[in-house]
Amino acid sequence: MAFINHGGRMKIATQRHDDDQLLDDSWLAKYLKFERKTAQAWRTRGGGPPFIKVGRLIRYRKADVDAWIESRRVSSTSDSVR
């Protein structure tokens, strides 16, 4: 894992496959098409995708987010989410 300067902000870069990259909550909000504050609320209350803390930074792996999405698949509106 390496840290790179990206426009004055430190970003985490990895040499791994895209699914293993550590991505921030801005990426998560764009990927799931919602506001960043939703991800922040999930982290506080629980119920959102798993995340990784690197010091004060919060990061997500795409593979973890995709697995979380898949775990929420239901067949009807009466099904409960696992």
N, C-alpha and C. Protein backbone atom coordinates (compact mmCIF):
# COMPACT_ATOMS: atom_id res chain seq x y z
N MET A 1 0.85 -1.16 0.00
CA MET A 1 0.00 0.00 0.00
C MET A 1 0.90 1.23 0.00
N ALA A 2 0.49 2.24 -0.74
CA ALA A 2 1.27 3.47 -0.81
C ALA A 2 0.33 4.66 -0.72
N PHE A 3 0.84 5.76 -0.22
CA PHE A 3 0.07 6.99 -0.16
C PHE A 3 0.56 7.89 -1.29
N ILE A 4 -0.38 8.50 -2.01
CA ILE A 4 -0.01 9.42 -3.08
C ILE A 4 -0.72 10.74 -2.84
N ASN A 5 -0.11 11.83 -3.28
CA ASN A 5 -0.70 13.14 -3.16
C ASN A 5 -1.57 13.36 -4.39
N HIS A 6 -2.86 13.59 -4.17
CA HIS A 6 -3.80 13.76 -5.26
C HIS A 6 -4.50 15.09 -5.07
N GLY A 7 -4.03 16.14 -5.74
CA GLY A 7 -4.66 17.45 -5.62
C GLY A 7 -4.59 18.04 -4.23
N GLY A 8 -3.49 17.81 -3.53
CA GLY A 8 -3.33 18.35 -2.19
C GLY A 8 -3.88 17.45 -1.10
N ARG A 9 -4.55 16.36 -1.47
CA ARG A 9 -5.09 15.42 -0.49
C ARG A 9 -4.35 14.11 -0.62
N MET A 10 -4.10 13.48 0.51
CA MET A 10 -3.43 12.19 0.48
C MET A 10 -4.43 11.11 0.12
N LYS A 11 -4.08 10.28 -0.82
CA LYS A 11 -4.92 9.17 -1.24
C LYS A 11 -4.13 7.88 -1.03
N ILE A 12 -4.85 6.79 -0.86
CA ILE A 12 -4.21 5.49 -0.72
C ILE A 12 -4.26 4.80 -2.07
N ALA A 13 -3.12 4.32 -2.51
CA ALA A 13 -3.04 3.58 -3.77
C ALA A 13 -2.53 2.19 -3.47
N THR A 14 -3.04 1.24 -4.18
CA THR A 14 -2.57 -0.13 -4.01
C THR A 14 -2.12 -0.67 -5.36
N GLN A 15 -1.36 -1.73 -5.31
CA GLN A 15 -0.87 -2.36 -6.52
C GLN A 15 -1.73 -3.57 -6.88
N ARG A 16 -2.90 -3.70 -6.27
CA ARG A 16 -3.74 -4.87 -6.45
C ARG A 16 -4.80 -4.66 -7.50
N HIS A 17 -5.61 -5.69 -7.69
CA HIS A 17 -6.75 -5.65 -8.59
C HIS A 17 -7.73 -4.56 -8.14
N ASP A 18 -8.52 -4.01 -9.04
CA ASP A 18 -9.46 -2.93 -8.73
C ASP A 18 -10.38 -3.25 -7.57
N ASP A 19 -10.82 -4.51 -7.42
CA ASP A 19 -11.73 -4.87 -6.34
C ASP A 19 -11.09 -4.73 -4.97
N ASP A 20 -9.76 -4.68 -4.90
CA ASP A 20 -9.05 -4.57 -3.63
C ASP A 20 -8.59 -3.15 -3.33
N GLN A 21 -8.80 -2.22 -4.25
CA GLN A 21 -8.39 -0.84 -4.00
C GLN A 21 -9.17 -0.28 -2.82
N LEU A 22 -8.54 0.57 -2.05
CA LEU A 22 -9.20 1.23 -0.93
C LEU A 22 -9.78 2.55 -1.45
N LEU A 23 -11.10 2.66 -1.36
CA LEU A 23 -11.82 3.78 -1.96
C LEU A 23 -12.55 4.57 -0.88
N ASP A 24 -12.71 5.87 -1.08
CA ASP A 24 -13.31 6.71 -0.04
C ASP A 24 -14.83 6.78 -0.14
N ASP A 25 -15.46 7.51 0.79
CA ASP A 25 -16.91 7.58 0.80
C ASP A 25 -17.48 8.40 -0.34
N SER A 26 -16.69 9.26 -0.95
CA SER A 26 -17.13 9.96 -2.17
C SER A 26 -17.34 8.95 -3.29
N TRP A 27 -16.40 8.01 -3.42
CA TRP A 27 -16.55 6.95 -4.41
C TRP A 27 -17.81 6.14 -4.11
N LEU A 28 -18.01 5.76 -2.83
CA LEU A 28 -19.17 4.96 -2.45
C LEU A 28 -20.47 5.68 -2.81
N ALA A 29 -20.54 6.97 -2.52
CA ALA A 29 -21.74 7.75 -2.82
C ALA A 29 -22.01 7.77 -4.33
N LYS A 30 -20.98 7.95 -5.12
CA LYS A 30 -21.16 7.93 -6.58
C LYS A 30 -21.57 6.55 -7.06
N TYR A 31 -20.93 5.52 -6.54
CA TYR A 31 -21.19 4.15 -6.96
C TYR A 31 -22.62 3.72 -6.66
N LEU A 32 -23.13 4.11 -5.48
CA LEU A 32 -24.48 3.72 -5.07
C LEU A 32 -25.52 4.81 -5.34
N LYS A 33 -25.06 5.96 -5.84
CA LYS A 33 -25.93 7.08 -6.21
C LYS A 33 -26.74 7.61 -5.02
N PHE A 34 -26.03 8.01 -3.98
CA PHE A 34 -26.65 8.67 -2.84
C PHE A 34 -25.66 9.66 -2.24
N GLU A 35 -26.08 10.38 -1.24
CA GLU A 35 -25.25 11.40 -0.59
C GLU A 35 -24.20 10.77 0.32
N ARG A 36 -23.07 11.44 0.47
CA ARG A 36 -22.01 10.96 1.38
C ARG A 36 -22.50 10.83 2.81
N LYS A 37 -23.42 11.70 3.21
CA LYS A 37 -23.91 11.66 4.59
C LYS A 37 -24.64 10.36 4.89
N THR A 38 -25.16 9.68 3.86
CA THR A 38 -25.79 8.37 4.06
C THR A 38 -24.75 7.36 4.52
N ALA A 39 -23.59 7.35 3.89
CA ALA A 39 -22.51 6.45 4.29
C ALA A 39 -22.05 6.77 5.71
N GLN A 40 -21.97 8.04 6.02
CA GLN A 40 -21.57 8.45 7.37
C GLN A 40 -22.59 7.96 8.40
N ALA A 41 -23.87 8.05 8.09
CA ALA A 41 -24.92 7.58 9.00
C ALA A 41 -24.83 6.06 9.17
N TRP A 42 -24.60 5.33 8.08
CA TRP A 42 -24.46 3.88 8.17
C TRP A 42 -23.31 3.49 9.09
N ARG A 43 -22.20 4.21 8.98
CA ARG A 43 -21.05 3.89 9.84
C ARG A 43 -21.37 4.12 11.30
N THR A 44 -22.19 5.11 11.59
CA THR A 44 -22.56 5.41 12.97
C THR A 44 -23.57 4.40 13.50
N ARG A 45 -24.60 4.11 12.70
CA ARG A 45 -25.69 3.23 13.14
C ARG A 45 -25.45 1.77 12.82
N GLY A 46 -24.58 1.48 11.86
CA GLY A 46 -24.42 0.12 11.37
C GLY A 46 -25.39 -0.12 10.22
N GLY A 47 -25.22 -1.23 9.55
CA GLY A 47 -26.14 -1.58 8.47
C GLY A 47 -25.62 -1.30 7.08
N GLY A 48 -24.54 -0.57 6.96
CA GLY A 48 -23.97 -0.29 5.65
C GLY A 48 -22.91 -1.31 5.28
N PRO A 49 -22.24 -1.09 4.16
CA PRO A 49 -21.18 -2.00 3.74
C PRO A 49 -20.00 -1.96 4.72
N PRO A 50 -19.25 -3.06 4.82
CA PRO A 50 -18.07 -3.05 5.69
C PRO A 50 -17.05 -2.01 5.21
N PHE A 51 -16.35 -1.44 6.16
CA PHE A 51 -15.34 -0.44 5.82
C PHE A 51 -14.07 -0.71 6.59
N ILE A 52 -13.02 -0.02 6.18
CA ILE A 52 -11.69 -0.17 6.77
C ILE A 52 -11.26 1.18 7.31
N LYS A 53 -10.74 1.19 8.53
CA LYS A 53 -10.19 2.42 9.09
C LYS A 53 -8.67 2.37 8.95
N VAL A 54 -8.13 3.40 8.34
CA VAL A 54 -6.69 3.57 8.21
C VAL A 54 -6.37 4.88 8.92
N GLY A 55 -6.00 4.78 10.18
CA GLY A 55 -5.85 5.99 10.99
C GLY A 55 -7.22 6.63 11.13
N ARG A 56 -7.34 7.88 10.72
CA ARG A 56 -8.64 8.56 10.75
C ARG A 56 -9.42 8.39 9.45
N LEU A 57 -8.80 7.80 8.44
CA LEU A 57 -9.44 7.65 7.13
C LEU A 57 -10.38 6.45 7.11
N ILE A 58 -11.48 6.58 6.39
CA ILE A 58 -12.43 5.50 6.18
C ILE A 58 -12.32 5.11 4.71
N ARG A 59 -12.18 3.82 4.47
CA ARG A 59 -12.06 3.32 3.10
C ARG A 59 -12.93 2.09 2.90
N TYR A 60 -13.30 1.86 1.64
CA TYR A 60 -14.12 0.72 1.25
C TYR A 60 -13.42 -0.04 0.16
N ARG A 61 -13.63 -1.34 0.12
CA ARG A 61 -13.18 -2.16 -1.01
C ARG A 61 -14.39 -2.44 -1.89
N LYS A 62 -14.22 -2.29 -3.20
CA LYS A 62 -15.33 -2.52 -4.13
C LYS A 62 -15.89 -3.92 -3.95
N ALA A 63 -15.04 -4.92 -3.77
CA ALA A 63 -15.51 -6.30 -3.60
C ALA A 63 -16.40 -6.42 -2.36
N ASP A 64 -16.06 -5.72 -1.27
CA ASP A 64 -16.88 -5.75 -0.06
C ASP A 64 -18.23 -5.08 -0.30
N VAL A 65 -18.21 -3.96 -1.01
CA VAL A 65 -19.45 -3.24 -1.31
C VAL A 65 -20.35 -4.10 -2.20
N ASP A 66 -19.76 -4.72 -3.22
CA ASP A 66 -20.55 -5.59 -4.11
C ASP A 66 -21.14 -6.78 -3.35
N ALA A 67 -20.38 -7.36 -2.43
CA ALA A 67 -20.88 -8.48 -1.62
C ALA A 67 -22.01 -8.00 -0.70
N TRP A 68 -21.87 -6.81 -0.14
CA TRP A 68 -22.93 -6.24 0.71
C TRP A 68 -24.20 -6.03 -0.10
N ILE A 69 -24.06 -5.50 -1.31
CA ILE A 69 -25.23 -5.30 -2.19
C ILE A 69 -25.91 -6.64 -2.46
N GLU A 70 -25.12 -7.64 -2.81
CA GLU A 70 -25.66 -8.97 -3.11
C GLU A 70 -26.38 -9.56 -1.89
N SER A 71 -25.88 -9.29 -0.69
CA SER A 71 -26.51 -9.83 0.52
C SER A 71 -27.87 -9.20 0.79
N ARG A 72 -28.17 -8.09 0.14
CA ARG A 72 -29.43 -7.39 0.33
C ARG A 72 -30.46 -7.75 -0.74
N ARG A 73 -30.15 -8.70 -1.59
CA ARG A 73 -31.07 -9.10 -2.66
C ARG A 73 -32.29 -9.81 -2.07
N VAL A 74 -33.47 -9.41 -2.53
CA VAL A 74 -34.72 -10.04 -2.09
C VAL A 74 -35.56 -10.38 -3.32
N SER A 75 -36.53 -11.26 -3.12
CA SER A 75 -37.40 -11.68 -4.22
C SER A 75 -38.72 -10.94 -4.24
N SER A 76 -39.14 -10.42 -3.10
CA SER A 76 -40.39 -9.65 -3.05
C SER A 76 -40.29 -8.61 -1.94
N THR A 77 -41.23 -7.71 -1.92
CA THR A 77 -41.19 -6.66 -0.91
C THR A 77 -41.46 -7.19 0.49
N SER A 78 -42.03 -8.38 0.59
CA SER A 78 -42.28 -8.97 1.92
C SER A 78 -41.07 -9.70 2.49
N ASP A 79 -40.03 -9.93 1.65
CA ASP A 79 -38.80 -10.57 2.13
C ASP A 79 -38.04 -9.59 3.02
N SER A 80 -37.42 -10.13 4.06
CA SER A 80 -36.57 -9.28 4.90
C SER A 80 -35.15 -9.34 4.38
N VAL A 81 -34.43 -8.26 4.56
CA VAL A 81 -33.03 -8.21 4.15
C VAL A 81 -32.22 -8.93 5.20
N ARG A 82 -31.29 -9.76 4.77
CA ARG A 82 -30.45 -10.52 5.70
C ARG A 82 -29.52 -9.63 6.45
